[in-house]
C-alpha atoms as a PDB file:
ATOM      1  CA  UNK A   1      70.671  62.527  77.289  1.00  0.00           C
ATOM      2  CA  UNK A   2      71.688  62.628  80.957  1.00  0.00           C
ATOM      3  CA  UNK A   3      70.010  59.301  81.558  1.00  0.00           C
ATOM      4  CA  UNK A   4      72.025  57.729  78.760  1.00  0.00           C
ATOM      5  CA  UNK A   5      75.201  59.355  80.045  1.00  0.00           C
ATOM      6  CA  UNK A   6      74.607  57.945  83.517  1.00  0.00           C
ATOM      7  CA  UNK A   7      74.127  54.507  82.005  1.00  0.00           C
ATOM      8  CA  UNK A   8      77.249  54.645  79.838  1.00  0.00           C
ATOM      9  CA  UNK A   9      79.539  56.566  82.210  1.00  0.00           C
ATOM     10  CA  UNK A  10      78.275  56.057  85.770  1.00  0.00           C
ATOM     11  CA  UNK A  11      81.458  57.250  87.522  1.00  0.00           C
ATOM     12  CA  UNK A  12      81.731  60.438  85.464  1.00  0.00           C
ATOM     13  CA  UNK A  13      78.004  61.058  85.874  1.00  0.00           C
ATOM     14  CA  UNK A  14      78.401  60.757  89.635  1.00  0.00           C
ATOM     15  CA  UNK A  15      81.169  63.360  89.506  1.00  0.00           C
ATOM     16  CA  UNK A  16      78.976  65.655  87.421  1.00  0.00           C
ATOM     17  CA  UNK A  17      76.106  65.354  89.882  1.00  0.00           C
ATOM     18  CA  UNK A  18      78.387  66.026  92.837  1.00  0.00           C
ATOM     19  CA  UNK A  19      79.793  69.092  91.107  1.00  0.00           C
ATOM     20  CA  UNK A  20      76.313  70.504  90.554  1.00  0.00           C
ATOM     21  CA  UNK A  21      75.429  69.964  94.229  1.00  0.00           C
ATOM     22  CA  UNK A  22      78.842  71.247  95.356  1.00  0.00           C
ATOM     23  CA  UNK A  23      79.419  67.923  97.044  1.00  0.00           C
ATOM     24  CA  UNK A  24      82.833  66.315  97.433  1.00  0.00           C
ATOM     25  CA  UNK A  25      83.947  62.852  96.273  1.00  0.00           C
ATOM     26  CA  UNK A  26      84.027  60.063  98.812  1.00  0.00           C
ATOM     27  CA  UNK A  27      87.482  59.948 100.380  1.00  0.00           C
ATOM     28  CA  UNK A  28      88.493  63.384  99.120  1.00  0.00           C
ATOM     29  CA  UNK A  29      90.528  63.957 102.312  1.00  0.00           C
ATOM     30  CA  UNK A  30      92.031  60.493 102.715  1.00  0.00           C
ATOM     31  CA  UNK A  31      95.559  61.538 101.717  1.00  0.00           C
ATOM     32  CA  UNK A  32      95.837  64.718 103.762  1.00  0.00           C
ATOM     33  CA  UNK A  33      99.263  64.950 105.375  1.00  0.00           C
ATOM     34  CA  UNK A  34      99.890  65.321 109.073  1.00  0.00           C
ATOM     35  CA  UNK A  35     103.008  67.102 110.232  1.00  0.00           C
ATOM     36  CA  UNK A  36     105.291  65.939 113.018  1.00  0.00           C
ATOM     37  CA  UNK A  37     106.438  68.344 115.753  1.00  0.00           C
ATOM     38  CA  UNK A  38     109.338  70.432 114.512  1.00  0.00           C
ATOM     39  CA  UNK A  39     110.890  73.443 116.219  1.00  0.00           C
ATOM     40  CA  UNK A  40     112.028  74.824 112.862  1.00  0.00           C
ATOM     41  CA  UNK A  41     108.760  73.965 111.144  1.00  0.00           C
ATOM     42  CA  UNK A  42     107.466  74.903 107.721  1.00  0.00           C
ATOM     43  CA  UNK A  43     106.309  78.030 105.989  1.00  0.00           C
ATOM     44  CA  UNK A  44     102.540  78.198 105.679  1.00  0.00           C
ATOM     45  CA  UNK A  45     102.886  78.219 101.895  1.00  0.00           C
ATOM     46  CA  UNK A  46     105.011  75.029 101.969  1.00  0.00           C
ATOM     47  CA  UNK A  47     102.537  73.137 104.134  1.00  0.00           C
ATOM     48  CA  UNK A  48      99.702  74.366 101.916  1.00  0.00           C
ATOM     49  CA  UNK A  49     101.440  73.027  98.794  1.00  0.00           C
ATOM     50  CA  UNK A  50     101.452  69.529 100.250  1.00  0.00           C
ATOM     51  CA  UNK A  51      97.820  69.733 101.345  1.00  0.00           C
ATOM     52  CA  UNK A  52      96.562  71.268  98.093  1.00  0.00           C
ATOM     53  CA  UNK A  53      98.151  68.551  95.983  1.00  0.00           C
ATOM     54  CA  UNK A  54      96.798  65.816  98.269  1.00  0.00           C
ATOM     55  CA  UNK A  55      93.265  67.180  97.892  1.00  0.00           C
ATOM     56  CA  UNK A  56      93.487  67.850  94.148  1.00  0.00           C
ATOM     57  CA  UNK A  57      94.516  64.274  93.409  1.00  0.00           C
ATOM     58  CA  UNK A  58      91.153  63.126  94.762  1.00  0.00           C
ATOM     59  CA  UNK A  59      89.061  66.050  93.531  1.00  0.00           C
ATOM     60  CA  UNK A  60      89.184  66.183  89.707  1.00  0.00           C
ATOM     61  CA  UNK A  61      87.259  69.456  89.445  1.00  0.00           C
ATOM     62  CA  UNK A  62      89.633  71.445  91.661  1.00  0.00           C
ATOM     63  CA  UNK A  63      91.479  73.766  89.261  1.00  0.00           C
ATOM     64  CA  UNK A  64      93.382  77.018  89.509  1.00  0.00           C
ATOM     65  CA  UNK A  65      96.645  78.838  89.398  1.00  0.00           C
ATOM     66  CA  UNK A  66      98.455  82.035  90.157  1.00  0.00           C
ATOM     67  CA  UNK A  67      98.931  85.576  88.947  1.00  0.00           C
ATOM     68  CA  UNK A  68     102.443  84.736  87.734  1.00  0.00           C
ATOM     69  CA  UNK A  69     103.688  83.717  91.196  1.00  0.00           C
ATOM     70  CA  UNK A  70     103.111  79.961  91.403  1.00  0.00           C
ATOM     71  CA  UNK A  71     106.755  79.177  92.326  1.00  0.00           C
ATOM     72  CA  UNK A  72     106.487  81.611  95.254  1.00  0.00           C
ATOM     73  CA  UNK A  73     102.932  80.878  96.377  1.00  0.00           C
ATOM     74  CA  UNK A  74     103.526  77.115  95.989  1.00  0.00           C
ATOM     75  CA  UNK A  75     100.154  76.553  94.344  1.00  0.00           C
ATOM     76  CA  UNK A  76     101.218  74.485  91.341  1.00  0.00           C
ATOM     77  CA  UNK A  77      99.587  71.065  91.058  1.00  0.00           C
ATOM     78  CA  UNK A  78     102.557  68.771  90.573  1.00  0.00           C
ATOM     79  CA  UNK A  79     101.136  65.238  90.499  1.00  0.00           C
ATOM     80  CA  UNK A  80     101.068  63.159  87.318  1.00  0.00           C
ATOM     81  CA  UNK A  81      98.280  64.219  84.987  1.00  0.00           C
ATOM     82  CA  UNK A  82      97.700  67.690  86.433  1.00  0.00           C
ATOM     83  CA  UNK A  83      99.216  69.488  83.454  1.00  0.00           C
ATOM     84  CA  UNK A  84      98.899  73.069  82.264  1.00  0.00           C
ATOM     85  CA  UNK A  85      95.804  74.525  80.653  1.00  0.00           C
ATOM     86  CA  UNK A  86      96.560  75.662  77.121  1.00  0.00           C
ATOM     87  CA  UNK A  87      95.154  75.791  73.568  1.00  0.00           C
ATOM     88  CA  UNK A  88      96.086  72.155  72.931  1.00  0.00           C
ATOM     89  CA  UNK A  89      95.730  70.883  76.510  1.00  0.00           C
ATOM     90  CA  UNK A  90      92.170  71.657  77.612  1.00  0.00           C
ATOM     91  CA  UNK A  91      92.380  69.122  80.436  1.00  0.00           C
ATOM     92  CA  UNK A  92      95.258  70.934  82.153  1.00  0.00           C
ATOM     93  CA  UNK A  93      94.427  71.933  85.724  1.00  0.00           C
ATOM     94  CA  UNK A  94      97.166  74.535  86.247  1.00  0.00           C
ATOM     95  CA  UNK A  95      96.172  77.945  84.934  1.00  0.00           C
ATOM     96  CA  UNK A  96      98.673  80.687  84.162  1.00  0.00           C
ATOM     97  CA  UNK A  97      96.859  83.987  84.607  1.00  0.00           C
ATOM     98  CA  UNK A  98      99.822  86.289  84.071  1.00  0.00           C
ATOM     99  CA  UNK A  99     100.410  89.444  86.094  1.00  0.00           C
ATOM    100  CA  UNK A 100      96.739  90.378  86.196  1.00  0.00           C
ATOM    101  CA  UNK A 101      95.325  89.781  89.646  1.00  0.00           C
ATOM    102  CA  UNK A 102      92.029  91.571  89.046  1.00  0.00           C
ATOM    103  CA  UNK A 103      91.293  89.518  85.923  1.00  0.00           C
ATOM    104  CA  UNK A 104      92.307  86.322  87.722  1.00  0.00           C
ATOM    105  CA  UNK A 105      89.747  86.904  90.467  1.00  0.00           C
ATOM    106  CA  UNK A 106      87.021  87.607  87.901  1.00  0.00           C
ATOM    107  CA  UNK A 107      87.893  84.393  86.042  1.00  0.00           C
ATOM    108  CA  UNK A 108      87.737  82.449  89.313  1.00  0.00           C
ATOM    109  CA  UNK A 109      84.200  83.704  89.885  1.00  0.00           C
ATOM    110  CA  UNK A 110      83.227  82.526  86.413  1.00  0.00           C
ATOM    111  CA  UNK A 111      84.757  79.114  86.977  1.00  0.00           C
ATOM    112  CA  UNK A 112      82.938  78.784  90.290  1.00  0.00           C
ATOM    113  CA  UNK A 113      79.638  79.606  88.622  1.00  0.00           C
ATOM    114  CA  UNK A 114      80.122  76.539  86.402  1.00  0.00           C
ATOM    115  CA  UNK A 115      80.466  74.545  89.683  1.00  0.00           C
ATOM    116  CA  UNK A 116      84.194  73.919  89.334  1.00  0.00           C
ATOM    117  CA  UNK A 117      86.160  74.507  92.565  1.00  0.00           C
ATOM    118  CA  UNK A 118      88.513  77.274  91.552  1.00  0.00           C
ATOM    119  CA  UNK A 119      91.531  78.650  93.392  1.00  0.00           C
ATOM    120  CA  UNK A 120      93.865  81.522  92.657  1.00  0.00           C
ATOM    121  CA  UNK A 121      96.942  82.825  94.417  1.00  0.00           C
ATOM    122  CA  UNK A 122      99.172  85.842  94.805  1.00  0.00           C
ATOM    123  CA  UNK A 123     101.062  87.735  97.493  1.00  0.00           C
ATOM    124  CA  UNK A 124      98.766  88.956 100.256  1.00  0.00           C
ATOM    125  CA  UNK A 125      99.570  92.623  99.685  1.00  0.00           C
ATOM    126  CA  UNK A 126      98.162  92.300  96.158  1.00  0.00           C
ATOM    127  CA  UNK A 127      94.751  91.224  97.460  1.00  0.00           C
ATOM    128  CA  UNK A 128      93.763  94.870  96.994  1.00  0.00           C
ATOM    129  CA  UNK A 129      93.688  94.261  93.245  1.00  0.00           C
ATOM    130  CA  UNK A 130      91.228  91.396  93.726  1.00  0.00           C
ATOM    131  CA  UNK A 131      88.851  93.206  96.063  1.00  0.00           C
ATOM    132  CA  UNK A 132      85.970  93.923  93.633  1.00  0.00           C
ATOM    133  CA  UNK A 133      85.754  90.279  92.578  1.00  0.00           C
ATOM    134  CA  UNK A 134      86.155  88.978  96.134  1.00  0.00           C
ATOM    135  CA  UNK A 135      83.262  91.204  97.125  1.00  0.00           C
ATOM    136  CA  UNK A 136      81.219  89.956  94.161  1.00  0.00           C
ATOM    137  CA  UNK A 137      81.963  86.320  95.059  1.00  0.00           C
ATOM    138  CA  UNK A 138      80.477  86.980  98.486  1.00  0.00           C
ATOM    139  CA  UNK A 139      77.423  88.650  96.999  1.00  0.00           C
ATOM    140  CA  UNK A 140      76.708  85.838  94.542  1.00  0.00           C
ATOM    141  CA  UNK A 141      77.725  83.182  97.109  1.00  0.00           C
ATOM    142  CA  UNK A 142      80.301  81.192  95.163  1.00  0.00           C
ATOM    143  CA  UNK A 143      83.013  79.250  97.055  1.00  0.00           C
ATOM    144  CA  UNK A 144      86.071  80.659  95.314  1.00  0.00           C
ATOM    145  CA  UNK A 145      89.367  79.909  97.080  1.00  0.00           C
ATOM    146  CA  UNK A 146      91.941  82.689  97.377  1.00  0.00           C
ATOM    147  CA  UNK A 147      95.406  81.608  98.539  1.00  0.00           C
ATOM    148  CA  UNK A 148      97.580  84.456  99.787  1.00  0.00           C
ATOM    149  CA  UNK A 149     101.207  84.090 100.819  1.00  0.00           C
ATOM    150  CA  UNK A 150     103.869  86.465 102.158  1.00  0.00           C
ATOM    151  CA  UNK A 151     101.297  87.455 104.738  1.00  0.00           C
ATOM    152  CA  UNK A 152     103.129  89.963 106.939  1.00  0.00           C
ATOM    153  CA  UNK A 153     106.085  92.275 107.473  1.00  0.00           C
ATOM    154  CA  UNK A 154     108.019  89.000 107.669  1.00  0.00           C
ATOM    155  CA  UNK A 155     108.578  89.423 103.920  1.00  0.00           C
ATOM    156  CA  UNK A 156     111.612  91.438 105.054  1.00  0.00           C
ATOM    157  CA  UNK A 157     113.826  93.283 102.597  1.00  0.00           C
ATOM    158  CA  UNK A 158     111.072  93.643  99.980  1.00  0.00           C
ATOM    159  CA  UNK A 159     109.907  96.532 102.136  1.00  0.00           C
ATOM    160  CA  UNK A 160     106.577  98.258 102.839  1.00  0.00           C
ATOM    161  CA  UNK A 161     105.216  97.932  99.293  1.00  0.00           C
ATOM    162  CA  UNK A 162     105.196  94.145  99.665  1.00  0.00           C
ATOM    163  CA  UNK A 163     104.403  93.978 103.401  1.00  0.00           C
ATOM    164  CA  UNK A 164     100.659  93.733 104.080  1.00  0.00           C
ATOM    165  CA  UNK A 165      99.404  95.666 107.103  1.00  0.00           C
ATOM    166  CA  UNK A 166      95.755  96.658 106.636  1.00  0.00           C
ATOM    167  CA  UNK A 167      94.797  93.726 104.421  1.00  0.00           C
ATOM    168  CA  UNK A 168      93.539  91.314 107.082  1.00  0.00           C
ATOM    169  CA  UNK A 169      91.220  94.004 108.443  1.00  0.00           C
ATOM    170  CA  UNK A 170      89.958  94.729 104.929  1.00  0.00           C
ATOM    171  CA  UNK A 171      89.157  91.088 104.180  1.00  0.00           C
ATOM    172  CA  UNK A 172      87.563  90.491 107.564  1.00  0.00           C
ATOM    173  CA  UNK A 173      85.239  93.405 106.833  1.00  0.00           C
ATOM    174  CA  UNK A 174      83.761  91.741 103.715  1.00  0.00           C
ATOM    175  CA  UNK A 175      80.403  90.126 104.586  1.00  0.00           C
ATOM    176  CA  UNK A 176      80.305  86.424 103.769  1.00  0.00           C
ATOM    177  CA  UNK A 177      84.037  85.969 103.194  1.00  0.00           C
ATOM    178  CA  UNK A 178      85.773  83.394 105.411  1.00  0.00           C
ATOM    179  CA  UNK A 179      89.352  84.414 106.204  1.00  0.00           C
ATOM    180  CA  UNK A 180      91.746  81.933 107.799  1.00  0.00           C
ATOM    181  CA  UNK A 181      95.296  82.585 109.003  1.00  0.00           C
ATOM    182  CA  UNK A 182      96.615  79.269 110.362  1.00  0.00           C
ATOM    183  CA  UNK A 183      99.421  79.138 112.925  1.00  0.00           C
ATOM    184  CA  UNK A 184     101.320  75.966 112.016  1.00  0.00           C
ATOM    185  CA  UNK A 185     101.414  73.250 109.368  1.00  0.00           C
ATOM    186  CA  UNK A 186      98.655  71.147 110.924  1.00  0.00           C
ATOM    187  CA  UNK A 187      96.420  74.200 111.202  1.00  0.00           C
ATOM    188  CA  UNK A 188      97.043  74.753 107.477  1.00  0.00           C
ATOM    189  CA  UNK A 189      95.732  71.249 106.760  1.00  0.00           C
ATOM    190  CA  UNK A 190      92.678  71.832 108.928  1.00  0.00           C
ATOM    191  CA  UNK A 191      92.054  75.198 107.258  1.00  0.00           C
ATOM    192  CA  UNK A 192      91.966  73.500 103.861  1.00  0.00           C
ATOM    193  CA  UNK A 193      89.451  70.987 105.246  1.00  0.00           C
ATOM    194  CA  UNK A 194      87.210  73.846 106.339  1.00  0.00           C
ATOM    195  CA  UNK A 195      87.529  75.617 103.001  1.00  0.00           C
ATOM    196  CA  UNK A 196      86.748  72.573 100.880  1.00  0.00           C
ATOM    197  CA  UNK A 197      83.454  72.043 102.699  1.00  0.00           C
ATOM    198  CA  UNK A 198      82.182  75.566 102.025  1.00  0.00           C
ATOM    199  CA  UNK A 199      79.364  75.694  99.476  1.00  0.00           C
ATOM    200  CA  UNK A 200      78.222  79.295  99.399  1.00  0.00           C
ATOM    201  CA  UNK A 201      81.101  81.332 100.828  1.00  0.00           C
ATOM    202  CA  UNK A 202      84.406  82.379  99.283  1.00  0.00           C
ATOM    203  CA  UNK A 203      87.505  81.870 101.396  1.00  0.00           C
ATOM    204  CA  UNK A 204      90.845  83.600 101.853  1.00  0.00           C
ATOM    205  CA  UNK A 205      93.680  81.411 103.118  1.00  0.00           C
ATOM    206  CA  UNK A 206      96.440  83.669 104.436  1.00  0.00           C
ATOM    207  CA  UNK A 207      99.840  81.977 104.661  1.00  0.00           C
ATOM    208  CA  UNK A 208     103.345  82.828 105.798  1.00  0.00           C
ATOM    209  CA  UNK A 209     106.474  82.724 103.731  1.00  0.00           C
ATOM    210  CA  UNK A 210     108.683  82.187 106.781  1.00  0.00           C
ATOM    211  CA  UNK A 211     108.770  78.926 108.702  1.00  0.00           C
ATOM    212  CA  UNK A 212     106.430  78.479 111.661  1.00  0.00           C
ATOM    213  CA  UNK A 213     107.230  75.888 114.360  1.00  0.00           C
ATOM    214  CA  UNK A 214     105.063  72.791 114.039  1.00  0.00           C
ATOM    215  CA  UNK A 215     103.505  72.382 117.465  1.00  0.00           C
ATOM    216  CA  UNK A 216     103.588  69.107 119.395  1.00  0.00           C
ATOM    217  CA  UNK A 217      99.927  68.140 119.487  1.00  0.00           C
ATOM    218  CA  UNK A 218     100.546  65.625 122.273  1.00  0.00           C
ATOM    219  CA  UNK A 219     101.258  68.666 124.479  1.00  0.00           C
ATOM    220  CA  UNK A 220      98.796  71.078 122.890  1.00  0.00           C
ATOM    221  CA  UNK A 221      95.203  70.741 121.718  1.00  0.00           C
ATOM    222  CA  UNK A 222      94.457  69.143 118.316  1.00  0.00           C
ATOM    223  CA  UNK A 223      94.528  71.429 115.290  1.00  0.00           C
ATOM    224  CA  UNK A 224      90.981  70.291 114.476  1.00  0.00           C
ATOM    225  CA  UNK A 225      89.896  73.225 116.623  1.00  0.00           C
ATOM    226  CA  UNK A 226      90.415  75.357 113.517  1.00  0.00           C
ATOM    227  CA  UNK A 227      86.951  74.204 112.406  1.00  0.00           C
ATOM    228  CA  UNK A 228      85.466  76.400 115.153  1.00  0.00           C
ATOM    229  CA  UNK A 229      87.454  79.494 114.245  1.00  0.00           C
ATOM    230  CA  UNK A 230      89.267  79.715 117.581  1.00  0.00           C
ATOM    231  CA  UNK A 231      90.119  77.161 120.243  1.00  0.00           C
ATOM    232  CA  UNK A 232      92.023  76.696 123.485  1.00  0.00           C
ATOM    233  CA  UNK A 233      95.510  75.591 122.504  1.00  0.00           C
ATOM    234  CA  UNK A 234      96.988  75.444 126.008  1.00  0.00           C
ATOM    235  CA  UNK A 235      95.727  75.947 129.546  1.00  0.00           C
ATOM    236  CA  UNK A 236      97.230  76.129 133.033  1.00  0.00           C
ATOM    237  CA  UNK A 237      97.700  72.681 134.607  1.00  0.00           C
ATOM    238  CA  UNK A 238      95.544  73.662 137.591  1.00  0.00           C
ATOM    239  CA  UNK A 239      92.760  76.156 138.240  1.00  0.00           C
ATOM    240  CA  UNK A 240      91.205  78.616 135.829  1.00  0.00           C
ATOM    241  CA  UNK A 241      93.331  80.968 133.697  1.00  0.00           C
ATOM    242  CA  UNK A 242      93.992  84.512 134.857  1.00  0.00           C
ATOM    243  CA  UNK A 243      95.499  85.632 131.538  1.00  0.00           C
ATOM    244  CA  UNK A 244      94.727  84.828 127.892  1.00  0.00           C
ATOM    245  CA  UNK A 245      97.190  85.111 125.004  1.00  0.00           C
ATOM    246  CA  UNK A 246      95.573  85.115 121.560  1.00  0.00           C
ATOM    247  CA  UNK A 247      97.574  84.524 118.387  1.00  0.00           C
ATOM    248  CA  UNK A 248      97.129  83.918 114.681  1.00  0.00           C
ATOM    249  CA  UNK A 249      99.527  82.774 111.987  1.00  0.00           C
ATOM    250  CA  UNK A 250     103.243  83.015 112.660  1.00  0.00           C
ATOM    251  CA  UNK A 251     102.582  84.887 115.901  1.00  0.00           C
ATOM    252  CA  UNK A 252     100.948  81.851 117.511  1.00  0.00           C
ATOM    253  CA  UNK A 253     104.411  80.503 118.318  1.00  0.00           C
ATOM    254  CA  UNK A 254     105.249  83.781 120.101  1.00  0.00           C
ATOM    255  CA  UNK A 255     102.245  83.229 122.349  1.00  0.00           C
ATOM    256  CA  UNK A 256     103.386  79.678 123.049  1.00  0.00           C
ATOM    257  CA  UNK A 257     106.898  80.861 123.940  1.00  0.00           C
ATOM    258  CA  UNK A 258     105.463  83.535 126.269  1.00  0.00           C
ATOM    259  CA  UNK A 259     103.116  80.947 127.776  1.00  0.00           C
ATOM    260  CA  UNK A 260     106.053  78.697 128.646  1.00  0.00           C
ATOM    261  CA  UNK A 261     107.895  81.532 130.395  1.00  0.00           C
ATOM    262  CA  UNK A 262     104.893  82.900 132.285  1.00  0.00           C
ATOM    263  CA  UNK A 263     103.710  79.442 133.329  1.00  0.00           C
ATOM    264  CA  UNK A 264     107.167  78.731 134.746  1.00  0.00           C
ATOM    265  CA  UNK A 265     106.724  81.866 136.874  1.00  0.00           C
ATOM    266  CA  UNK A 266     103.424  80.588 138.225  1.00  0.00           C
ATOM    267  CA  UNK A 267     101.075  82.670 136.078  1.00  0.00           C
ATOM    268  CA  UNK A 268      97.923  80.805 135.057  1.00  0.00           C
ATOM    269  CA  UNK A 269      97.963  81.320 131.287  1.00  0.00           C
ATOM    270  CA  UNK A 270      95.683  80.207 128.481  1.00  0.00           C
ATOM    271  CA  UNK A 271      96.745  80.311 124.823  1.00  0.00           C
ATOM    272  CA  UNK A 272      94.004  80.699 122.222  1.00  0.00           C
ATOM    273  CA  UNK A 273      94.619  80.119 118.540  1.00  0.00           C
ATOM    274  CA  UNK A 274      92.217  82.239 116.485  1.00  0.00           C
ATOM    275  CA  UNK A 275      92.723  81.550 112.769  1.00  0.00           C
ATOM    276  CA  UNK A 276      89.254  82.762 111.719  1.00  0.00           C
ATOM    277  CA  UNK A 277      87.219  85.540 113.296  1.00  0.00           C
ATOM    278  CA  UNK A 278      84.264  84.801 111.013  1.00  0.00           C
ATOM    279  CA  UNK A 279      83.967  81.125 111.932  1.00  0.00           C
ATOM    280  CA  UNK A 280      84.417  81.894 115.626  1.00  0.00           C
ATOM    281  CA  UNK A 281      81.617  84.461 115.521  1.00  0.00           C
ATOM    282  CA  UNK A 282      79.298  81.811 114.062  1.00  0.00           C
ATOM    283  CA  UNK A 283      79.740  79.586 117.130  1.00  0.00           C
ATOM    284  CA  UNK A 284      77.196  79.510 119.971  1.00  0.00           C
ATOM    285  CA  UNK A 285      77.675  82.011 122.772  1.00  0.00           C
ATOM    286  CA  UNK A 286      78.415  79.151 125.153  1.00  0.00           C
ATOM    287  CA  UNK A 287      81.388  78.011 123.077  1.00  0.00           C
ATOM    288  CA  UNK A 288      82.776  81.506 122.536  1.00  0.00           C
ATOM    289  CA  UNK A 289      82.562  82.229 126.264  1.00  0.00           C
ATOM    290  CA  UNK A 290      84.256  78.928 127.054  1.00  0.00           C
ATOM    291  CA  UNK A 291      87.220  79.979 124.897  1.00  0.00           C
ATOM    292  CA  UNK A 292      87.284  83.627 126.020  1.00  0.00           C
ATOM    293  CA  UNK A 293      85.654  83.701 129.482  1.00  0.00           C
ATOM    294  CA  UNK A 294      84.295  87.205 130.184  1.00  0.00           C
ATOM    295  CA  UNK A 295      85.703  87.034 133.717  1.00  0.00           C
ATOM    296  CA  UNK A 296      89.280  86.821 132.393  1.00  0.00           C
ATOM    297  CA  UNK A 297      89.936  90.416 131.345  1.00  0.00           C
ATOM    298  CA  UNK A 298      93.747  90.242 131.178  1.00  0.00           C
ATOM    299  CA  UNK A 299      94.336  89.498 127.509  1.00  0.00           C
ATOM    300  CA  UNK A 300      96.994  90.030 124.848  1.00  0.00           C
ATOM    301  CA  UNK A 301      96.449  89.530 121.113  1.00  0.00           C
ATOM    302  CA  UNK A 302      99.450  89.206 118.800  1.00  0.00           C
ATOM    303  CA  UNK A 303      99.231  89.606 115.030  1.00  0.00           C
ATOM    304  CA  UNK A 304     101.614  91.093 112.459  1.00  0.00           C
ATOM    305  CA  UNK A 305      98.879  93.246 110.963  1.00  0.00           C
ATOM    306  CA  UNK A 306      96.742  96.248 111.767  1.00  0.00           C
ATOM    307  CA  UNK A 307      95.365  96.254 115.301  1.00  0.00           C
ATOM    308  CA  UNK A 308      91.992  97.354 113.918  1.00  0.00           C
ATOM    309  CA  UNK A 309      89.174  95.168 115.256  1.00  0.00           C
ATOM    310  CA  UNK A 310      91.087  93.385 118.002  1.00  0.00           C
ATOM    311  CA  UNK A 311      89.531  95.531 120.745  1.00  0.00           C
ATOM    312  CA  UNK A 312      86.436  93.323 120.532  1.00  0.00           C
ATOM    313  CA  UNK A 313      88.508  90.373 121.760  1.00  0.00           C
ATOM    314  CA  UNK A 314      90.966  91.931 124.208  1.00  0.00           C
ATOM    315  CA  UNK A 315      88.587  94.358 125.928  1.00  0.00           C
ATOM    316  CA  UNK A 316      89.433  97.598 127.750  1.00  0.00           C
ATOM    317  CA  UNK A 317      92.354  96.314 129.844  1.00  0.00           C
ATOM    318  CA  UNK A 318      93.811  94.017 127.206  1.00  0.00           C
ATOM    319  CA  UNK A 319      96.638  94.820 124.815  1.00  0.00           C
ATOM    320  CA  UNK A 320      97.273  94.230 121.128  1.00  0.00           C
ATOM    321  CA  UNK A 321     100.747  93.751 119.712  1.00  0.00           C
ATOM    322  CA  UNK A 322     100.265  94.621 116.063  1.00  0.00           C
ATOM    323  CA  UNK A 323     101.106  97.126 113.360  1.00  0.00           C
ATOM    324  CA  UNK A 324     100.190 100.802 113.655  1.00  0.00           C
ATOM    325  CA  UNK A 325     102.488 101.914 110.835  1.00  0.00           C
ATOM    326  CA  UNK A 326     103.701 100.428 107.584  1.00  0.00           C
ATOM    327  CA  UNK A 327     106.660  98.067 107.747  1.00  0.00           C
ATOM    328  CA  UNK A 328     110.279  98.635 106.810  1.00  0.00           C
ATOM    329  CA  UNK A 329     112.977  97.136 104.618  1.00  0.00           C
ATOM    330  CA  UNK A 330     115.163  94.957 106.820  1.00  0.00           C
ATOM    331  CA  UNK A 331     115.859  91.291 107.611  1.00  0.00           C
ATOM    332  CA  UNK A 332     113.054  89.348 109.278  1.00  0.00           C
ATOM    333  CA  UNK A 333     114.563  89.214 112.775  1.00  0.00           C
ATOM    334  CA  UNK A 334     115.384  92.920 112.732  1.00  0.00           C
ATOM    335  CA  UNK A 335     111.785  93.719 111.803  1.00  0.00           C
ATOM    336  CA  UNK A 336     110.383  91.463 114.505  1.00  0.00           C
ATOM    337  CA  UNK A 337     112.509  93.216 117.117  1.00  0.00           C
ATOM    338  CA  UNK A 338     111.755  96.713 115.800  1.00  0.00           C
ATOM    339  CA  UNK A 339     107.993  96.202 115.845  1.00  0.00           C
ATOM    340  CA  UNK A 340     107.783  94.156 119.042  1.00  0.00           C
ATOM    341  CA  UNK A 341     107.063  90.675 117.736  1.00  0.00           C
ATOM    342  CA  UNK A 342     109.212  88.823 120.251  1.00  0.00           C
ATOM    343  CA  UNK A 343     108.408  86.561 123.200  1.00  0.00           C
ATOM    344  CA  UNK A 344     109.876  89.189 125.522  1.00  0.00           C
ATOM    345  CA  UNK A 345     107.439  91.846 124.286  1.00  0.00           C
ATOM    346  CA  UNK A 346     104.500  89.435 124.638  1.00  0.00           C
ATOM    347  CA  UNK A 347     105.541  88.631 128.216  1.00  0.00           C
ATOM    348  CA  UNK A 348     105.859  92.332 129.057  1.00  0.00           C
ATOM    349  CA  UNK A 349     102.433  93.112 127.565  1.00  0.00           C
ATOM    350  CA  UNK A 350     100.937  90.184 129.478  1.00  0.00           C
ATOM    351  CA  UNK A 351     102.294  91.492 132.769  1.00  0.00           C
ATOM    352  CA  UNK A 352     100.956  94.971 132.011  1.00  0.00           C
ATOM    353  CA  UNK A 353      97.502  93.654 131.149  1.00  0.00           C
ATOM    354  CA  UNK A 354      97.448  91.412 134.210  1.00  0.00           C
ATOM    355  CA  UNK A 355      98.364  94.354 136.437  1.00  0.00           C
ATOM    356  CA  UNK A 356      95.645  96.524 134.917  1.00  0.00           C
ATOM    357  CA  UNK A 357      93.096  93.726 135.326  1.00  0.00           C
ATOM    358  CA  UNK A 358      93.948  93.271 138.987  1.00  0.00           C
ATOM    359  CA  UNK A 359      93.830  97.013 139.608  1.00  0.00           C
ATOM    360  CA  UNK A 360      90.363  97.234 138.066  1.00  0.00           C
ATOM    361  CA  UNK A 361      88.840  94.639 140.396  1.00  0.00           C
END
């Protein structure tokens, strides 16, 4: 039967074979957008919407939807022919799961077992509801794609119930799950490239609602460094760094702003973008030490989430600017100031860490 099918429908048969091998079509990434430098930038969810639709147009078996939040998570497939799955439209690729995150994650696992590439989305704080099925996806090694938006206290007035704090730590603790929190629009595109090439690991793509500046990649390193989990974004013009600033997500731009100020003062600063702990830990020791040289002990990590786990990267004299409480209900800028997510706080922490490092020599 398969032999006859391959004879009569060679292109569809090729797609079927690729699905079963978890291969991708030729040219699946040919339409991926690149984003020009922009001080205002884009929200992670907005950049992701453009990338997701570009991939889905060339990958017919990429299907998914949202737990009733597609307009907010920006995960609707909008190109001609995508359509909605329903009783009379079995070819629809947009799935409406309703307000049932746990069931959505279970359905995604089932879809992935059929060799479809399945994605589902919700607000990051609701990832708790999905946890049993995320864990199961890791155990059974299916490459389900979880897209989470509203990734920090930057949600603002919605308050602590909608502001994730401990969720990044919880996901990073799941064996086999690849978590990525990209720091600008081009890192979002590169994160999707990483995710689509996974065959046996589920992924969590953690995205901001608020705009993140799109970095000028003629001044900073290419976003392709995302493929290695962490990479050197910026370095001092001369000599080795004496201080390392590490950022993820929307806080990467805070590290860049602090870098500009400290560099102008003559401090030799390196900025490291670290969107994925898991991928970085899979790199050879030589690469990891080239990004985070053991001799450079003055370090500051910045992330709008629990500080849990960052000690492994900042060491005993480093500092972490993160969340040690739940958030609060207030406008974004007020929250950033209250909890210390400002360039001024990063600069102050950098000076403190640098002083402690020098004193320890």
